[in-house]
Protein backbone atom coordinates (compact mmCIF):
# COMPACT_ATOMS: atom_id res chain seq x y z
CA UNK A 1 0.00 0.00 0.00
CA UNK A 2 1.33 3.45 -0.95
CA UNK A 3 1.89 6.14 1.62
CA UNK A 4 0.65 9.64 0.83
CA UNK A 5 1.31 12.90 2.60
CA UNK A 6 -1.07 15.81 2.45
CA UNK A 7 0.07 19.40 2.52
CA UNK A 8 -1.61 21.65 5.04
CA UNK A 9 -3.51 24.50 3.40
CA UNK A 10 -2.90 26.91 6.24
CA UNK A 11 0.41 28.14 4.78
CA UNK A 12 0.53 31.01 2.33
CA UNK A 13 2.92 31.08 -0.62
CA UNK A 14 4.79 34.10 -1.99
CA UNK A 15 6.98 34.50 -5.09
CA UNK A 16 8.91 37.35 -6.64
CA UNK A 17 9.77 37.03 -10.32
CA UNK A 18 12.07 39.42 -12.18
CA UNK A 19 12.18 39.29 -15.95
CA UNK A 20 14.98 41.23 -17.61
CA UNK A 21 14.70 42.07 -21.31
CA UNK A 22 18.23 42.08 -22.74
CA UNK A 23 17.91 40.58 -26.22
CA UNK A 24 17.45 44.01 -27.86
CA UNK A 25 18.97 47.51 -27.36
CA UNK A 26 18.25 49.08 -23.95
CA UNK A 27 15.83 51.75 -25.17
CA UNK A 28 13.73 49.10 -26.91
CA UNK A 29 14.05 46.77 -23.89
CA UNK A 30 12.51 49.44 -21.66
CA UNK A 31 9.59 49.90 -24.06
CA UNK A 32 9.03 46.15 -24.27
CA UNK A 33 9.06 45.84 -20.45
CA UNK A 34 6.54 48.69 -20.11
CA UNK A 35 4.30 47.17 -22.79
CA UNK A 36 4.46 43.71 -21.19
CA UNK A 37 3.52 45.23 -17.85
CA UNK A 38 0.57 47.08 -19.43
CA UNK A 39 -0.56 43.90 -21.19
CA UNK A 40 -0.46 41.78 -18.02
CA UNK A 41 -2.07 44.22 -15.58
CA UNK A 42 -5.69 43.64 -16.73
CA UNK A 43 -5.30 39.95 -15.87
CA UNK A 44 -4.86 40.87 -12.20
CA UNK A 45 -8.56 41.82 -12.02
CA UNK A 46 -9.58 38.28 -13.04
CA UNK A 47 -7.97 36.51 -10.08
CA UNK A 48 -9.72 34.59 -7.34
CA UNK A 49 -9.90 36.27 -3.95
CA UNK A 50 -7.11 34.03 -2.60
CA UNK A 51 -4.39 35.47 -4.81
CA UNK A 52 -2.81 38.90 -5.09
CA UNK A 53 -0.44 39.94 -7.86
CA UNK A 54 1.60 43.10 -8.29
CA UNK A 55 3.14 43.87 -11.69
CA UNK A 56 5.56 46.74 -12.29
CA UNK A 57 8.28 47.63 -14.73
CA UNK A 58 11.46 49.53 -14.01
CA UNK A 59 13.71 50.09 -16.96
CA UNK A 60 14.14 46.83 -18.84
CA UNK A 61 12.86 44.71 -15.92
CA UNK A 62 9.34 43.42 -15.29
CA UNK A 63 8.66 42.60 -11.62
CA UNK A 64 5.87 40.20 -10.75
CA UNK A 65 5.07 39.60 -7.07
CA UNK A 66 2.57 36.84 -6.31
CA UNK A 67 0.85 36.10 -3.01
CA UNK A 68 -1.31 32.98 -2.95
CA UNK A 69 -3.38 31.19 -0.33
CA UNK A 70 -1.41 27.95 -0.73
CA UNK A 71 1.31 26.27 -2.79
CA UNK A 72 -1.18 24.68 -5.19
CA UNK A 73 -2.66 28.08 -6.06
CA UNK A 74 0.85 29.53 -6.36
CA UNK A 75 1.86 26.87 -8.87
CA UNK A 76 -1.23 27.53 -10.98
CA UNK A 77 -0.78 31.32 -10.94
CA UNK A 78 2.95 31.15 -11.76
CA UNK A 79 2.30 28.77 -14.65
CA UNK A 80 -0.45 30.98 -16.05
CA UNK A 81 1.57 34.17 -15.79
CA UNK A 82 4.67 32.63 -17.35
CA UNK A 83 2.57 31.60 -20.35
CA UNK A 84 1.12 35.12 -20.54
CA UNK A 85 4.62 36.63 -20.32
CA UNK A 86 5.85 34.36 -23.10
CA UNK A 87 2.87 35.28 -25.30
CA UNK A 88 3.20 39.03 -24.63
CA UNK A 89 6.94 38.98 -25.35
CA UNK A 90 6.40 36.96 -28.53
CA UNK A 91 3.78 39.42 -29.79
CA UNK A 92 5.89 42.48 -28.97
CA UNK A 93 9.05 41.14 -30.58
CA UNK A 94 7.46 39.66 -33.71
């Protein structure tokens, strides 16, 4: 018989993600970071009440700070936002 361990849901999860745009000249990198930030911000309004996300850009860096009610929610939110970041970057650099 297999042994399973459950994870308590009373712990919150927090992550800070920094994305630096360096594949293009710095002036264009800054514009791409600002545009990515603007593209991702509307998604924040669609979150469940258990998550909180802050998105900002400073120069050629996009900062994403995620607070989730548990590790399972954190994993889902990080996965979703990384796909959105990849899509936004792909559209902006095409």
